[in-house]
């Protein structure tokens, strides 16, 4: 029973030392000096606090950047791709084999 109690006390002591070491490692050097000078005089804070820059908003892109290709050209490419895929499916249904199933079509769009 005494050994169990000794083990519990030593583990709590080790946990306390680890917590103190972690706190000392993560504290910034300014905080330690400010803590000692806070008693002597009040620290002057700036009037305007700096805005945090972690969640920076993405730059606003003009509309012309996104719409370089006219929608009609995209629609024609999609229609052509659909026609070629239908033709490939009909060809496979007429004579099904593995080479037709795994072959690529001549469409420029990747399916």
Protein backbone atom coordinates (compact mmCIF):
# COMPACT_ATOMS: atom_id res chain seq x y z
CA UNK A 1 0.00 0.00 0.00
CA UNK A 2 2.87 2.34 0.81
CA UNK A 3 4.47 1.68 -2.58
CA UNK A 4 1.19 2.52 -4.34
CA UNK A 5 0.93 5.76 -2.38
CA UNK A 6 4.56 6.61 -3.18
CA UNK A 7 3.94 5.99 -6.89
CA UNK A 8 0.86 8.25 -6.87
CA UNK A 9 2.75 11.04 -5.09
CA UNK A 10 5.71 10.81 -7.48
CA UNK A 11 3.44 10.83 -10.54
CA UNK A 12 1.60 13.94 -9.24
CA UNK A 13 4.96 15.60 -8.58
CA UNK A 14 6.09 14.74 -12.10
CA UNK A 15 2.84 16.13 -13.53
CA UNK A 16 3.33 19.38 -11.61
CA UNK A 17 6.91 19.75 -12.87
CA UNK A 18 5.79 19.06 -16.44
CA UNK A 19 3.02 21.68 -16.16
CA UNK A 20 5.46 24.28 -14.83
CA UNK A 21 7.96 23.52 -17.59
CA UNK A 22 5.26 23.74 -20.25
CA UNK A 23 4.01 27.05 -18.88
CA UNK A 24 7.53 28.47 -18.82
CA UNK A 25 8.23 27.28 -22.37
CA UNK A 26 5.08 28.76 -23.85
CA UNK A 27 5.25 32.10 -22.05
CA UNK A 28 6.61 34.95 -24.17
CA UNK A 29 9.59 36.90 -22.79
CA UNK A 30 7.53 40.11 -22.82
CA UNK A 31 5.02 38.62 -20.40
CA UNK A 32 7.67 37.92 -17.77
CA UNK A 33 9.10 41.45 -17.93
CA UNK A 34 5.62 43.02 -18.04
CA UNK A 35 4.59 41.05 -14.97
CA UNK A 36 7.45 42.53 -12.95
CA UNK A 37 6.93 46.10 -14.23
CA UNK A 38 3.13 45.97 -13.88
CA UNK A 39 3.47 46.49 -10.15
CA UNK A 40 5.70 49.52 -10.60
CA UNK A 41 3.76 51.37 -13.32
CA UNK A 42 0.80 50.87 -15.59
CA UNK A 43 1.62 49.82 -19.15
CA UNK A 44 0.44 52.27 -21.80
CA UNK A 45 -1.72 50.52 -24.41
CA UNK A 46 -2.04 51.83 -27.98
CA UNK A 47 -5.36 53.43 -28.86
CA UNK A 48 -5.89 51.35 -32.01
CA UNK A 49 -5.28 47.64 -31.67
CA UNK A 50 -3.77 45.86 -34.65
CA UNK A 51 -6.26 43.72 -36.51
CA UNK A 52 -5.48 40.00 -36.46
CA UNK A 53 -4.27 38.74 -39.84
CA UNK A 54 -5.01 35.03 -39.41
CA UNK A 55 -8.30 35.04 -41.34
CA UNK A 56 -7.28 37.36 -44.14
CA UNK A 57 -10.03 37.92 -46.65
CA UNK A 58 -9.15 36.77 -50.17
CA UNK A 59 -8.44 39.50 -52.69
CA UNK A 60 -11.43 40.63 -54.69
CA UNK A 61 -11.02 39.48 -58.28
CA UNK A 62 -12.67 41.49 -61.04
CA UNK A 63 -15.49 39.81 -62.94
CA UNK A 64 -13.51 39.88 -66.19
CA UNK A 65 -10.95 37.45 -64.75
CA UNK A 66 -13.56 34.73 -64.24
CA UNK A 67 -15.38 35.13 -67.55
CA UNK A 68 -12.59 34.96 -70.12
CA UNK A 69 -14.33 32.21 -72.13
CA UNK A 70 -17.82 32.94 -73.42
CA UNK A 71 -20.55 30.66 -72.13
CA UNK A 72 -21.57 29.72 -75.69
CA UNK A 73 -18.13 28.22 -76.35
CA UNK A 74 -18.35 26.16 -73.18
CA UNK A 75 -21.84 24.95 -74.09
CA UNK A 76 -20.62 23.87 -77.55
CA UNK A 77 -17.74 21.91 -76.01
CA UNK A 78 -20.09 20.18 -73.58
CA UNK A 79 -22.57 19.31 -76.35
CA UNK A 80 -19.76 17.91 -78.50
CA UNK A 81 -18.51 15.84 -75.57
CA UNK A 82 -22.01 14.46 -74.94
CA UNK A 83 -22.41 13.53 -78.61
CA UNK A 84 -19.07 11.70 -78.62
CA UNK A 85 -19.91 9.85 -75.39
CA UNK A 86 -23.29 8.79 -76.81
CA UNK A 87 -21.58 7.52 -79.96
CA UNK A 88 -19.07 5.56 -77.89
CA UNK A 89 -21.90 4.04 -75.81
CA UNK A 90 -23.85 3.04 -78.94
CA UNK A 91 -20.72 1.47 -80.42
CA UNK A 92 -20.21 -0.52 -77.23
CA UNK A 93 -23.84 -1.67 -77.16
CA UNK A 94 -23.62 -2.90 -80.77
CA UNK A 95 -20.58 -5.08 -80.13
CA UNK A 96 -19.56 -5.19 -76.46
CA UNK A 97 -15.97 -6.08 -75.65
CA UNK A 98 -13.45 -5.03 -73.04
CA UNK A 99 -11.30 -2.97 -75.41
CA UNK A 100 -14.23 -0.68 -76.28
CA UNK A 101 -15.21 -0.40 -72.66
CA UNK A 102 -11.82 0.82 -71.49
CA UNK A 103 -10.79 2.86 -74.52
CA UNK A 104 -10.82 6.64 -74.49
CA UNK A 105 -13.06 8.70 -76.70
CA UNK A 106 -11.78 11.43 -78.99
CA UNK A 107 -13.40 14.07 -76.81
CA UNK A 108 -11.16 16.86 -75.54
CA UNK A 109 -12.91 16.86 -72.17
CA UNK A 110 -11.72 14.34 -69.61
CA UNK A 111 -14.55 12.15 -68.34
